[in-house]
Protein backbone atom coordinates (compact mmCIF):
# COMPACT_ATOMS: atom_id res chain seq x y z
CA MET A 1 -68.43 -26.26 -26.59
CA ARG A 2 -69.87 -29.62 -25.50
CA VAL A 3 -70.70 -28.22 -22.09
CA ILE A 4 -72.64 -25.36 -23.65
CA LEU A 5 -74.58 -27.70 -25.95
CA LEU A 6 -75.38 -30.10 -23.11
CA SER A 7 -76.47 -27.23 -20.87
CA LEU A 8 -78.73 -25.91 -23.66
CA ILE A 9 -80.43 -29.29 -24.02
CA LEU A 10 -80.84 -29.60 -20.24
CA ALA A 11 -82.29 -26.05 -20.12
CA LEU A 12 -84.86 -26.81 -22.85
CA VAL A 13 -86.15 -30.07 -21.33
CA PRO A 14 -87.77 -28.36 -18.28
CA LEU A 15 -89.28 -25.72 -20.60
CA ALA A 16 -90.85 -28.55 -22.61
CA GLY A 17 -92.30 -29.86 -19.34
CA ILE A 18 -93.85 -26.46 -18.63
CA ALA A 19 -95.34 -26.42 -22.16
CA TYR A 20 -96.85 -29.85 -21.50
CA ILE A 21 -98.41 -28.61 -18.24
CA VAL A 22 -99.87 -25.54 -20.01
CA LEU A 23 -101.26 -27.59 -22.94
CA PHE A 24 -103.11 -30.00 -20.71
CA GLY A 25 -104.62 -27.26 -18.56
CA SER A 26 -103.23 -28.13 -15.15
CA ILE A 27 -101.17 -24.92 -14.81
CA LEU A 28 -103.74 -23.35 -12.48
CA THR A 29 -103.61 -26.17 -9.91
CA VAL A 30 -101.28 -26.00 -6.93
CA ASP A 31 -99.31 -28.95 -8.25
CA GLY A 32 -99.01 -27.37 -11.68
CA LEU A 33 -97.78 -24.06 -10.23
CA PHE A 34 -95.14 -25.66 -7.99
CA ILE A 35 -93.89 -28.01 -10.70
CA SER A 36 -93.69 -25.06 -13.11
CA LEU A 37 -91.65 -23.04 -10.60
CA ILE A 38 -89.29 -25.94 -10.00
CA LEU A 39 -88.84 -26.53 -13.74
CA LEU A 40 -88.22 -22.81 -14.34
CA THR A 41 -85.56 -22.83 -11.63
CA ILE A 42 -83.82 -25.84 -13.16
CA SER A 43 -83.94 -24.24 -16.59
CA GLY A 44 -82.61 -20.94 -15.20
CA ILE A 45 -79.64 -22.68 -13.58
CA PHE A 46 -78.64 -24.28 -16.86
CA LEU A 47 -79.09 -20.99 -18.75
CA LEU A 48 -76.87 -19.28 -16.16
CA ASN A 49 -74.27 -21.99 -16.74
CA ILE A 50 -74.40 -21.29 -20.49
CA MET A 51 -73.88 -17.57 -19.91
CA LEU A 52 -70.92 -18.17 -17.61
CA GLU A 53 -69.32 -20.60 -20.06
CA LEU A 54 -69.72 -18.13 -22.94
CA LYS A 55 -68.20 -15.37 -20.82
CA ALA A 56 -65.24 -17.59 -19.93
CA HIS A 57 -64.64 -18.38 -23.63
CA ARG A 58 -64.78 -14.69 -24.62
CA GLU A 59 -62.32 -13.41 -22.01
CA PRO A 60 -58.76 -13.24 -23.31
CA LYS A 61 -56.28 -15.47 -21.55
CA PRO A 62 -53.76 -13.49 -19.48
CA ALA A 63 -50.30 -13.34 -21.01
CA LYS A 64 -47.52 -14.98 -19.07
CA THR A 65 -45.51 -12.39 -17.21
CA THR A 66 -41.99 -12.66 -15.99
CA THR A 67 -41.45 -12.50 -12.29
CA THR A 68 -39.95 -9.33 -10.95
CA ALA A 69 -38.58 -8.40 -7.59
CA PRO A 70 -41.29 -7.54 -5.09
CA ALA A 71 -41.90 -3.87 -4.48
CA ARG A 72 -40.50 -2.52 -1.27
CA SER A 73 -43.00 -1.18 1.18
CA ALA A 74 -42.62 2.03 3.11
CA VAL A 75 -42.77 0.14 6.41
CA ALA A 76 -39.57 -1.65 7.33
CA ALA A 77 -39.91 -5.37 8.00
CA PRO A 78 -38.70 -6.57 11.38
CA ALA A 79 -35.18 -7.92 11.36
CA LEU A 80 -34.68 -11.60 12.10
CA ALA A 81 -32.65 -12.37 15.18
CA THR A 82 -29.34 -14.00 14.39
CA ASN A 83 -29.42 -17.73 14.97
CA PRO A 84 -27.27 -18.70 17.92
CA THR A 85 -25.19 -21.85 17.69
CA ALA A 86 -26.60 -25.02 19.29
CA GLY A 87 -26.44 -24.95 23.09
CA GLU A 88 -25.70 -21.23 23.29
CA ILE A 89 -27.93 -19.24 25.65
CA ARG A 90 -28.95 -15.82 24.38
CA ARG A 91 -30.34 -13.05 26.56
CA GLU A 92 -32.50 -10.21 25.30
CA ALA A 93 -34.11 -7.29 27.13
CA GLY A 94 -36.87 -5.23 25.63
CA THR A 95 -40.57 -5.02 24.83
CA VAL A 96 -42.71 -7.80 23.39
CA VAL A 97 -44.52 -6.35 20.37
CA GLN A 98 -46.50 -9.38 19.21
CA VAL A 99 -46.65 -13.16 19.73
CA ASP A 100 -48.11 -15.46 17.06
CA TYR A 101 -48.61 -19.17 17.77
CA TYR A 102 -48.51 -21.84 15.07
CA GLU A 103 -49.42 -25.48 15.53
CA ALA A 104 -47.07 -27.81 13.65
CA PRO A 105 -47.87 -31.18 12.06
CA VAL A 106 -47.69 -34.30 14.21
CA GLY A 107 -44.14 -35.14 15.23
CA GLN A 108 -42.84 -31.57 15.00
CA PRO A 109 -42.74 -28.99 17.80
CA ASN A 110 -45.27 -26.14 17.77
CA LYS A 111 -43.79 -22.68 17.26
CA SER A 112 -44.32 -19.19 18.63
CA VAL A 113 -43.11 -16.27 16.54
CA VAL A 114 -42.22 -13.40 18.87
CA THR A 115 -41.75 -9.89 17.53
CA PHE A 116 -39.42 -8.30 20.05
CA GLN A 117 -38.05 -4.76 20.25
CA PRO A 118 -34.78 -4.66 22.20
CA ASN A 119 -34.16 -1.76 24.57
CA GLY A 120 -32.75 1.23 22.70
CA ALA A 121 -33.33 -0.30 19.23
CA SER A 122 -35.40 1.48 16.62
CA SER A 123 -36.50 -1.71 14.81
CA ALA A 124 -38.00 -4.94 16.04
CA GLN A 125 -36.56 -8.41 15.65
CA VAL A 126 -38.28 -11.75 15.24
CA ILE A 127 -37.45 -14.70 17.48
CA VAL A 128 -38.95 -18.16 16.81
CA LEU A 129 -39.43 -20.20 19.98
CA GLN A 130 -40.66 -23.73 20.59
CA GLY A 131 -44.09 -24.23 22.14
CA ASP A 132 -46.78 -21.81 23.20
CA VAL A 133 -45.20 -18.80 24.93
CA ARG A 134 -48.19 -16.43 24.65
CA ASN A 135 -48.83 -16.52 28.41
CA ALA A 136 -45.15 -16.05 29.31
CA LEU A 137 -44.64 -13.14 26.88
CA PRO A 138 -47.68 -10.87 26.83
CA PRO A 139 -47.57 -8.14 24.14
CA GLY A 140 -46.63 -4.66 25.38
CA LYS A 141 -44.70 -5.98 28.38
CA ARG A 142 -41.03 -5.15 29.03
CA VAL A 143 -39.17 -8.39 29.76
CA LYS A 144 -35.75 -9.97 29.93
CA ILE A 145 -35.72 -13.36 28.21
CA SER A 146 -33.18 -16.12 27.99
CA TYR A 147 -33.46 -18.74 25.26
CA GLU A 148 -31.32 -21.67 24.20
CA ALA A 149 -30.65 -22.85 20.67
CA THR A 150 -31.47 -26.52 20.11
CA PRO A 151 -31.52 -28.55 16.88
CA GLU A 152 -35.34 -28.31 16.84
CA GLY A 153 -35.34 -24.52 17.38
CA ASN A 154 -34.99 -21.95 20.14
CA ARG A 155 -36.28 -22.98 23.58
CA LEU A 156 -37.38 -20.35 26.10
CA VAL A 157 -35.37 -20.83 29.31
CA ARG A 158 -36.30 -17.89 31.55
CA VAL A 159 -38.49 -14.79 31.57
CA GLU A 160 -37.98 -11.91 34.03
């Protein structure tokens, strides 16, 4: 309520300035016109603030809702590739669907998220690789990849 009262006072002060300009007859000068426009703008901004505050006070607060399980979409999400054990080299053959690159904070390796559809599979899988592999794995290309599991993440070893 204090904000509304303060905004009302600050909206009336410029209007008092316009009344002063009108009373002393300088409204028809260039200076009087420009000052009047500026004061009207200032007053309008504070009146807009009052209207927005009143609207915010009138709107009912949303009731707290309990979280529910997310709705399932009709499109199946790509399956995540199983994580190989450290040092194991995995080989995959198929089509690269999409490659997204994410820069990590300082001290952590950057990541590429590769959506990959293996040969003969009906669904895609997601493989997270270290570094920028966008040039090595162009989308739409059929490739054979080899990647190694390391403690920091999967590292691309070879692309055919």
